[in-house]
Amino acid sequence: GTAALAATVALVVGFGVLATSQFV
């Protein structure tokens, strides 16, 4: 559970960065 949560948080942050893109 701890490892899955940490890995998902890293992925969410990585994908969340795409929200700053100018390409819709």
mmCIF file of all heavy atoms, coordinates in Angstrom:
data_MODEL
# 
_entry.id   MODEL 
# 
loop_
_atom_site.group_PDB 
_atom_site.id 
_atom_site.type_symbol 
_atom_site.label_atom_id 
_atom_site.label_alt_id 
_atom_site.label_comp_id 
_atom_site.label_asym_id 
_atom_site.label_entity_id 
_atom_site.label_seq_id 
_atom_site.pdbx_PDB_ins_code 
_atom_site.Cartn_x 
_atom_site.Cartn_y 
_atom_site.Cartn_z 
_atom_site.occupancy 
_atom_site.B_iso_or_equiv 
_atom_site.pdbx_formal_charge 
_atom_site.auth_seq_id 
_atom_site.auth_comp_id 
_atom_site.auth_asym_id 
_atom_site.auth_atom_id 
_atom_site.pdbx_PDB_model_num 
ATOM 1   N N   . GLY A 1 1  ? 0.799  -1.216 0.000   1.00 0.00 ? 1  GLY A N   1 
ATOM 2   C CA  . GLY A 1 1  ? 0.000  0.000  0.000   1.00 0.00 ? 1  GLY A CA  1 
ATOM 3   C C   . GLY A 1 1  ? 0.834  1.270  0.000   1.00 0.00 ? 1  GLY A C   1 
ATOM 4   O O   . GLY A 1 1  ? 0.574  2.211  -0.763  1.00 0.00 ? 1  GLY A O   1 
ATOM 5   N N   . THR A 1 2  ? 1.852  1.311  0.835   1.00 0.00 ? 2  THR A N   1 
ATOM 6   C CA  . THR A 1 2  ? 2.714  2.490  0.910   1.00 0.00 ? 2  THR A CA  1 
ATOM 7   C C   . THR A 1 2  ? 3.466  2.722  -0.393  1.00 0.00 ? 2  THR A C   1 
ATOM 8   O O   . THR A 1 2  ? 3.531  3.841  -0.895  1.00 0.00 ? 2  THR A O   1 
ATOM 9   C CB  . THR A 1 2  ? 3.730  2.336  2.070   1.00 0.00 ? 2  THR A CB  1 
ATOM 10  O OG1 . THR A 1 2  ? 3.005  2.063  3.270   1.00 0.00 ? 2  THR A OG1 1 
ATOM 11  C CG2 . THR A 1 2  ? 4.561  3.575  2.242   1.00 0.00 ? 2  THR A CG2 1 
ATOM 12  N N   . ALA A 1 3  ? 3.995  1.637  -0.957  1.00 0.00 ? 3  ALA A N   1 
ATOM 13  C CA  . ALA A 1 3  ? 4.737  1.760  -2.216  1.00 0.00 ? 3  ALA A CA  1 
ATOM 14  C C   . ALA A 1 3  ? 3.808  2.178  -3.361  1.00 0.00 ? 3  ALA A C   1 
ATOM 15  O O   . ALA A 1 3  ? 4.166  3.026  -4.193  1.00 0.00 ? 3  ALA A O   1 
ATOM 16  C CB  . ALA A 1 3  ? 5.417  0.440  -2.549  1.00 0.00 ? 3  ALA A CB  1 
ATOM 17  N N   . ALA A 1 4  ? 2.603  1.601  -3.406  1.00 0.00 ? 4  ALA A N   1 
ATOM 18  C CA  . ALA A 1 4  ? 1.648  1.941  -4.464  1.00 0.00 ? 4  ALA A CA  1 
ATOM 19  C C   . ALA A 1 4  ? 1.227  3.400  -4.354  1.00 0.00 ? 4  ALA A C   1 
ATOM 20  O O   . ALA A 1 4  ? 1.117  4.107  -5.366  1.00 0.00 ? 4  ALA A O   1 
ATOM 21  C CB  . ALA A 1 4  ? 0.433  1.034  -4.387  1.00 0.00 ? 4  ALA A CB  1 
ATOM 22  N N   . LEU A 1 5  ? 1.004  3.868  -3.135  1.00 0.00 ? 5  LEU A N   1 
ATOM 23  C CA  . LEU A 1 5  ? 0.611  5.262  -2.932  1.00 0.00 ? 5  LEU A CA  1 
ATOM 24  C C   . LEU A 1 5  ? 1.734  6.209  -3.349  1.00 0.00 ? 5  LEU A C   1 
ATOM 25  O O   . LEU A 1 5  ? 1.487  7.206  -4.039  1.00 0.00 ? 5  LEU A O   1 
ATOM 26  C CB  . LEU A 1 5  ? 0.228  5.481  -1.469  1.00 0.00 ? 5  LEU A CB  1 
ATOM 27  C CG  . LEU A 1 5  ? -0.466 6.774  -1.136  1.00 0.00 ? 5  LEU A CG  1 
ATOM 28  C CD1 . LEU A 1 5  ? -1.753 6.924  -1.929  1.00 0.00 ? 5  LEU A CD1 1 
ATOM 29  C CD2 . LEU A 1 5  ? -0.760 6.842  0.351   1.00 0.00 ? 5  LEU A CD2 1 
ATOM 30  N N   . ALA A 1 6  ? 2.972  5.883  -2.977  1.00 0.00 ? 6  ALA A N   1 
ATOM 31  C CA  . ALA A 1 6  ? 4.110  6.739  -3.349  1.00 0.00 ? 6  ALA A CA  1 
ATOM 32  C C   . ALA A 1 6  ? 4.306  6.772  -4.859  1.00 0.00 ? 6  ALA A C   1 
ATOM 33  O O   . ALA A 1 6  ? 4.538  7.841  -5.446  1.00 0.00 ? 6  ALA A O   1 
ATOM 34  C CB  . ALA A 1 6  ? 5.380  6.245  -2.660  1.00 0.00 ? 6  ALA A CB  1 
ATOM 35  N N   . ALA A 1 7  ? 4.209  5.619  -5.503  1.00 0.00 ? 7  ALA A N   1 
ATOM 36  C CA  . ALA A 1 7  ? 4.368  5.565  -6.957  1.00 0.00 ? 7  ALA A CA  1 
ATOM 37  C C   . ALA A 1 7  ? 3.265  6.354  -7.657  1.00 0.00 ? 7  ALA A C   1 
ATOM 38  O O   . ALA A 1 7  ? 3.517  7.074  -8.623  1.00 0.00 ? 7  ALA A O   1 
ATOM 39  C CB  . ALA A 1 7  ? 4.360  4.112  -7.434  1.00 0.00 ? 7  ALA A CB  1 
ATOM 40  N N   . THR A 1 8  ? 2.041  6.245  -7.157  1.00 0.00 ? 8  THR A N   1 
ATOM 41  C CA  . THR A 1 8  ? 0.926  6.970  -7.774  1.00 0.00 ? 8  THR A CA  1 
ATOM 42  C C   . THR A 1 8  ? 1.064  8.465  -7.580  1.00 0.00 ? 8  THR A C   1 
ATOM 43  O O   . THR A 1 8  ? 0.773  9.243  -8.494  1.00 0.00 ? 8  THR A O   1 
ATOM 44  C CB  . THR A 1 8  ? -0.417 6.468  -7.205  1.00 0.00 ? 8  THR A CB  1 
ATOM 45  O OG1 . THR A 1 8  ? -0.513 5.062  -7.465  1.00 0.00 ? 8  THR A OG1 1 
ATOM 46  C CG2 . THR A 1 8  ? -1.576 7.189  -7.836  1.00 0.00 ? 8  THR A CG2 1 
ATOM 47  N N   . VAL A 1 9  ? 1.514  8.892  -6.397  1.00 0.00 ? 9  VAL A N   1 
ATOM 48  C CA  . VAL A 1 9  ? 1.720  10.329 -6.167  1.00 0.00 ? 9  VAL A CA  1 
ATOM 49  C C   . VAL A 1 9  ? 2.753  10.868 -7.150  1.00 0.00 ? 9  VAL A C   1 
ATOM 50  O O   . VAL A 1 9  ? 2.579  11.950 -7.733  1.00 0.00 ? 9  VAL A O   1 
ATOM 51  C CB  . VAL A 1 9  ? 2.133  10.606 -4.705  1.00 0.00 ? 9  VAL A CB  1 
ATOM 52  C CG1 . VAL A 1 9  ? 2.663  12.014 -4.530  1.00 0.00 ? 9  VAL A CG1 1 
ATOM 53  C CG2 . VAL A 1 9  ? 0.956  10.364 -3.771  1.00 0.00 ? 9  VAL A CG2 1 
ATOM 54  N N   . ALA A 1 10 ? 3.823  10.103 -7.381  1.00 0.00 ? 10 ALA A N   1 
ATOM 55  C CA  . ALA A 1 10 ? 4.844  10.534 -8.344  1.00 0.00 ? 10 ALA A CA  1 
ATOM 56  C C   . ALA A 1 10 ? 4.250  10.644 -9.752  1.00 0.00 ? 10 ALA A C   1 
ATOM 57  O O   . ALA A 1 10 ? 4.513  11.611 -10.473 1.00 0.00 ? 10 ALA A O   1 
ATOM 58  C CB  . ALA A 1 10 ? 6.018  9.557  -8.343  1.00 0.00 ? 10 ALA A CB  1 
ATOM 59  N N   . LEU A 1 11 ? 3.427  9.672  -10.144 1.00 0.00 ? 11 LEU A N   1 
ATOM 60  C CA  . LEU A 1 11 ? 2.795  9.724  -11.461 1.00 0.00 ? 11 LEU A CA  1 
ATOM 61  C C   . LEU A 1 11 ? 1.802  10.878 -11.571 1.00 0.00 ? 11 LEU A C   1 
ATOM 62  O O   . LEU A 1 11 ? 1.742  11.557 -12.598 1.00 0.00 ? 11 LEU A O   1 
ATOM 63  C CB  . LEU A 1 11 ? 2.065  8.406  -11.753 1.00 0.00 ? 11 LEU A CB  1 
ATOM 64  C CG  . LEU A 1 11 ? 2.943  7.215  -12.096 1.00 0.00 ? 11 LEU A CG  1 
ATOM 65  C CD1 . LEU A 1 11 ? 2.133  5.926  -12.091 1.00 0.00 ? 11 LEU A CD1 1 
ATOM 66  C CD2 . LEU A 1 11 ? 3.611  7.416  -13.446 1.00 0.00 ? 11 LEU A CD2 1 
ATOM 67  N N   . VAL A 1 12 ? 1.040  11.116 -10.524 1.00 0.00 ? 12 VAL A N   1 
ATOM 68  C CA  . VAL A 1 12 ? 0.058  12.205 -10.533 1.00 0.00 ? 12 VAL A CA  1 
ATOM 69  C C   . VAL A 1 12 ? 0.761  13.551 -10.657 1.00 0.00 ? 12 VAL A C   1 
ATOM 70  O O   . VAL A 1 12 ? 0.322  14.420 -11.416 1.00 0.00 ? 12 VAL A O   1 
ATOM 71  C CB  . VAL A 1 12 ? -0.846 12.150 -9.277  1.00 0.00 ? 12 VAL A CB  1 
ATOM 72  C CG1 . VAL A 1 12 ? -1.628 13.436 -9.095  1.00 0.00 ? 12 VAL A CG1 1 
ATOM 73  C CG2 . VAL A 1 12 ? -1.787 10.961 -9.367  1.00 0.00 ? 12 VAL A CG2 1 
ATOM 74  N N   . VAL A 1 13 ? 1.855  13.722 -9.941  1.00 0.00 ? 13 VAL A N   1 
ATOM 75  C CA  . VAL A 1 13 ? 2.617  14.975 -10.054 1.00 0.00 ? 13 VAL A CA  1 
ATOM 76  C C   . VAL A 1 13 ? 3.172  15.114 -11.469 1.00 0.00 ? 13 VAL A C   1 
ATOM 77  O O   . VAL A 1 13 ? 3.100  16.187 -12.076 1.00 0.00 ? 13 VAL A O   1 
ATOM 78  C CB  . VAL A 1 13 ? 3.752  15.034 -9.005  1.00 0.00 ? 13 VAL A CB  1 
ATOM 79  C CG1 . VAL A 1 13 ? 4.701  16.179 -9.279  1.00 0.00 ? 13 VAL A CG1 1 
ATOM 80  C CG2 . VAL A 1 13 ? 3.162  15.149 -7.603  1.00 0.00 ? 13 VAL A CG2 1 
ATOM 81  N N   . GLY A 1 14 ? 3.694  14.027 -12.006 1.00 0.00 ? 14 GLY A N   1 
ATOM 82  C CA  . GLY A 1 14 ? 4.230  14.065 -13.372 1.00 0.00 ? 14 GLY A CA  1 
ATOM 83  C C   . GLY A 1 14 ? 3.177  14.405 -14.404 1.00 0.00 ? 14 GLY A C   1 
ATOM 84  O O   . GLY A 1 14 ? 3.392  15.247 -15.278 1.00 0.00 ? 14 GLY A O   1 
ATOM 85  N N   . PHE A 1 15 ? 2.023  13.759 -14.316 1.00 0.00 ? 15 PHE A N   1 
ATOM 86  C CA  . PHE A 1 15 ? 0.945  14.070 -15.254 1.00 0.00 ? 15 PHE A CA  1 
ATOM 87  C C   . PHE A 1 15 ? 0.330  15.433 -14.963 1.00 0.00 ? 15 PHE A C   1 
ATOM 88  O O   . PHE A 1 15 ? -0.136 16.118 -15.864 1.00 0.00 ? 15 PHE A O   1 
ATOM 89  C CB  . PHE A 1 15 ? -0.148 13.002 -15.223 1.00 0.00 ? 15 PHE A CB  1 
ATOM 90  C CG  . PHE A 1 15 ? 0.213  11.760 -15.991 1.00 0.00 ? 15 PHE A CG  1 
ATOM 91  C CD1 . PHE A 1 15 ? 0.364  10.550 -15.342 1.00 0.00 ? 15 PHE A CD1 1 
ATOM 92  C CD2 . PHE A 1 15 ? 0.400  11.795 -17.359 1.00 0.00 ? 15 PHE A CD2 1 
ATOM 93  C CE1 . PHE A 1 15 ? 0.695  9.401  -16.037 1.00 0.00 ? 15 PHE A CE1 1 
ATOM 94  C CE2 . PHE A 1 15 ? 0.729  10.662 -18.078 1.00 0.00 ? 15 PHE A CE2 1 
ATOM 95  C CZ  . PHE A 1 15 ? 0.877  9.461  -17.410 1.00 0.00 ? 15 PHE A CZ  1 
ATOM 96  N N   . GLY A 1 16 ? 0.326  15.833 -13.695 1.00 0.00 ? 16 GLY A N   1 
ATOM 97  C CA  . GLY A 1 16 ? -0.222 17.137 -13.322 1.00 0.00 ? 16 GLY A CA  1 
ATOM 98  C C   . GLY A 1 16 ? 0.541  18.290 -13.937 1.00 0.00 ? 16 GLY A C   1 
ATOM 99  O O   . GLY A 1 16 ? -0.029 19.352 -14.209 1.00 0.00 ? 16 GLY A O   1 
ATOM 100 N N   . VAL A 1 17 ? 1.826  18.101 -14.172 1.00 0.00 ? 17 VAL A N   1 
ATOM 101 C CA  . VAL A 1 17 ? 2.645  19.137 -14.802 1.00 0.00 ? 17 VAL A CA  1 
ATOM 102 C C   . VAL A 1 17 ? 2.101  19.478 -16.189 1.00 0.00 ? 17 VAL A C   1 
ATOM 103 O O   . VAL A 1 17 ? 2.208  20.623 -16.644 1.00 0.00 ? 17 VAL A O   1 
ATOM 104 C CB  . VAL A 1 17 ? 4.123  18.683 -14.875 1.00 0.00 ? 17 VAL A CB  1 
ATOM 105 C CG1 . VAL A 1 17 ? 4.953  19.590 -15.747 1.00 0.00 ? 17 VAL A CG1 1 
ATOM 106 C CG2 . VAL A 1 17 ? 4.714  18.609 -13.480 1.00 0.00 ? 17 VAL A CG2 1 
ATOM 107 N N   . LEU A 1 18 ? 1.480  18.506 -16.834 1.00 0.00 ? 18 LEU A N   1 
ATOM 108 C CA  . LEU A 1 18 ? 0.927  18.753 -18.166 1.00 0.00 ? 18 LEU A CA  1 
ATOM 109 C C   . LEU A 1 18 ? -0.200 19.785 -18.147 1.00 0.00 ? 18 LEU A C   1 
ATOM 110 O O   . LEU A 1 18 ? -0.537 20.348 -19.183 1.00 0.00 ? 18 LEU A O   1 
ATOM 111 C CB  . LEU A 1 18 ? 0.423  17.449 -18.789 1.00 0.00 ? 18 LEU A CB  1 
ATOM 112 C CG  . LEU A 1 18 ? 1.488  16.394 -19.078 1.00 0.00 ? 18 LEU A CG  1 
ATOM 113 C CD1 . LEU A 1 18 ? 0.845  15.126 -19.599 1.00 0.00 ? 18 LEU A CD1 1 
ATOM 114 C CD2 . LEU A 1 18 ? 2.522  16.916 -20.053 1.00 0.00 ? 18 LEU A CD2 1 
ATOM 115 N N   . ALA A 1 19 ? -0.769 20.028 -16.971 1.00 0.00 ? 19 ALA A N   1 
ATOM 116 C CA  . ALA A 1 19 ? -1.838 21.029 -16.861 1.00 0.00 ? 19 ALA A CA  1 
ATOM 117 C C   . ALA A 1 19 ? -1.326 22.436 -17.149 1.00 0.00 ? 19 ALA A C   1 
ATOM 118 O O   . ALA A 1 19 ? -2.113 23.340 -17.433 1.00 0.00 ? 19 ALA A O   1 
ATOM 119 C CB  . ALA A 1 19 ? -2.466 20.977 -15.471 1.00 0.00 ? 19 ALA A CB  1 
ATOM 120 N N   . THR A 1 20 ? -0.019 22.640 -17.110 1.00 0.00 ? 20 THR A N   1 
ATOM 121 C CA  . THR A 1 20 ? 0.553  23.959 -17.399 1.00 0.00 ? 20 THR A CA  1 
ATOM 122 C C   . THR A 1 20 ? 0.844  24.163 -18.880 1.00 0.00 ? 20 THR A C   1 
ATOM 123 O O   . THR A 1 20 ? 1.290  25.239 -19.266 1.00 0.00 ? 20 THR A O   1 
ATOM 124 C CB  . THR A 1 20 ? 1.856  24.167 -16.599 1.00 0.00 ? 20 THR A CB  1 
ATOM 125 O OG1 . THR A 1 20 ? 2.817  23.189 -17.026 1.00 0.00 ? 20 THR A OG1 1 
ATOM 126 C CG2 . THR A 1 20 ? 1.616  24.027 -15.100 1.00 0.00 ? 20 THR A CG2 1 
ATOM 127 N N   . SER A 1 21 ? 0.573  23.137 -19.688 1.00 0.00 ? 21 SER A N   1 
ATOM 128 C CA  . SER A 1 21 ? 0.839  23.228 -21.121 1.00 0.00 ? 21 SER A CA  1 
ATOM 129 C C   . SER A 1 21 ? -0.106 24.221 -21.794 1.00 0.00 ? 21 SER A C   1 
ATOM 130 O O   . SER A 1 21 ? -1.173 24.540 -21.282 1.00 0.00 ? 21 SER A O   1 
ATOM 131 C CB  . SER A 1 21 ? 0.656  21.851 -21.763 1.00 0.00 ? 21 SER A CB  1 
ATOM 132 O OG  . SER A 1 21 ? 0.769  21.923 -23.161 1.00 0.00 ? 21 SER A OG  1 
ATOM 133 N N   . GLN A 1 22 ? 0.298  24.696 -22.957 1.00 0.00 ? 22 GLN A N   1 
ATOM 134 C CA  . GLN A 1 22 ? -0.574 25.559 -23.742 1.00 0.00 ? 22 GLN A CA  1 
ATOM 135 C C   . GLN A 1 22 ? -1.311 24.759 -24.824 1.00 0.00 ? 22 GLN A C   1 
ATOM 136 O O   . GLN A 1 22 ? -2.170 25.287 -25.507 1.00 0.00 ? 22 GLN A O   1 
ATOM 137 C CB  . GLN A 1 22 ? 0.231  26.688 -24.383 1.00 0.00 ? 22 GLN A CB  1 
ATOM 138 C CG  . GLN A 1 22 ? 0.769  27.644 -23.349 1.00 0.00 ? 22 GLN A CG  1 
ATOM 139 C CD  . GLN A 1 22 ? 1.544  28.780 -23.983 1.00 0.00 ? 22 GLN A CD  1 
ATOM 140 O OE1 . GLN A 1 22 ? 1.706  28.849 -25.199 1.00 0.00 ? 22 GLN A OE1 1 
ATOM 141 N NE2 . GLN A 1 22 ? 2.029  29.678 -23.150 1.00 0.00 ? 22 GLN A NE2 1 
ATOM 142 N N   . PHE A 1 23 ? -0.966 23.484 -24.950 1.00 0.00 ? 23 PHE A N   1 
ATOM 143 C CA  . PHE A 1 23 ? -1.611 22.594 -25.916 1.00 0.00 ? 23 PHE A CA  1 
ATOM 144 C C   . PHE A 1 23 ? -2.761 21.885 -25.204 1.00 0.00 ? 23 PHE A C   1 
ATOM 145 O O   . PHE A 1 23 ? -2.555 21.055 -24.323 1.00 0.00 ? 23 PHE A O   1 
ATOM 146 C CB  . PHE A 1 23 ? -0.580 21.595 -26.463 1.00 0.00 ? 23 PHE A CB  1 
ATOM 147 C CG  . PHE A 1 23 ? -1.075 20.728 -27.574 1.00 0.00 ? 23 PHE A CG  1 
ATOM 148 C CD1 . PHE A 1 23 ? -1.654 21.276 -28.713 1.00 0.00 ? 23 PHE A CD1 1 
ATOM 149 C CD2 . PHE A 1 23 ? -0.943 19.355 -27.506 1.00 0.00 ? 23 PHE A CD2 1 
ATOM 150 C CE1 . PHE A 1 23 ? -2.109 20.468 -29.743 1.00 0.00 ? 23 PHE A CE1 1 
ATOM 151 C CE2 . PHE A 1 23 ? -1.387 18.538 -28.526 1.00 0.00 ? 23 PHE A CE2 1 
ATOM 152 C CZ  . PHE A 1 23 ? -1.971 19.099 -29.655 1.00 0.00 ? 23 PHE A CZ  1 
ATOM 153 N N   . VAL A 1 24 ? -3.987 22.213 -25.560 1.00 0.00 ? 24 VAL A N   1 
ATOM 154 C CA  . VAL A 1 24 ? -5.183 21.773 -24.834 1.00 0.00 ? 24 VAL A CA  1 
ATOM 155 C C   . VAL A 1 24 ? -5.276 20.246 -24.689 1.00 0.00 ? 24 VAL A C   1 
ATOM 156 O O   . VAL A 1 24 ? -5.577 19.766 -23.599 1.00 0.00 ? 24 VAL A O   1 
ATOM 157 C CB  . VAL A 1 24 ? -6.461 22.374 -25.471 1.00 0.00 ? 24 VAL A CB  1 
ATOM 158 C CG1 . VAL A 1 24 ? -7.711 21.809 -24.829 1.00 0.00 ? 24 VAL A CG1 1 
ATOM 159 C CG2 . VAL A 1 24 ? -6.435 23.886 -25.350 1.00 0.00 ? 24 VAL A CG2 1 
# 
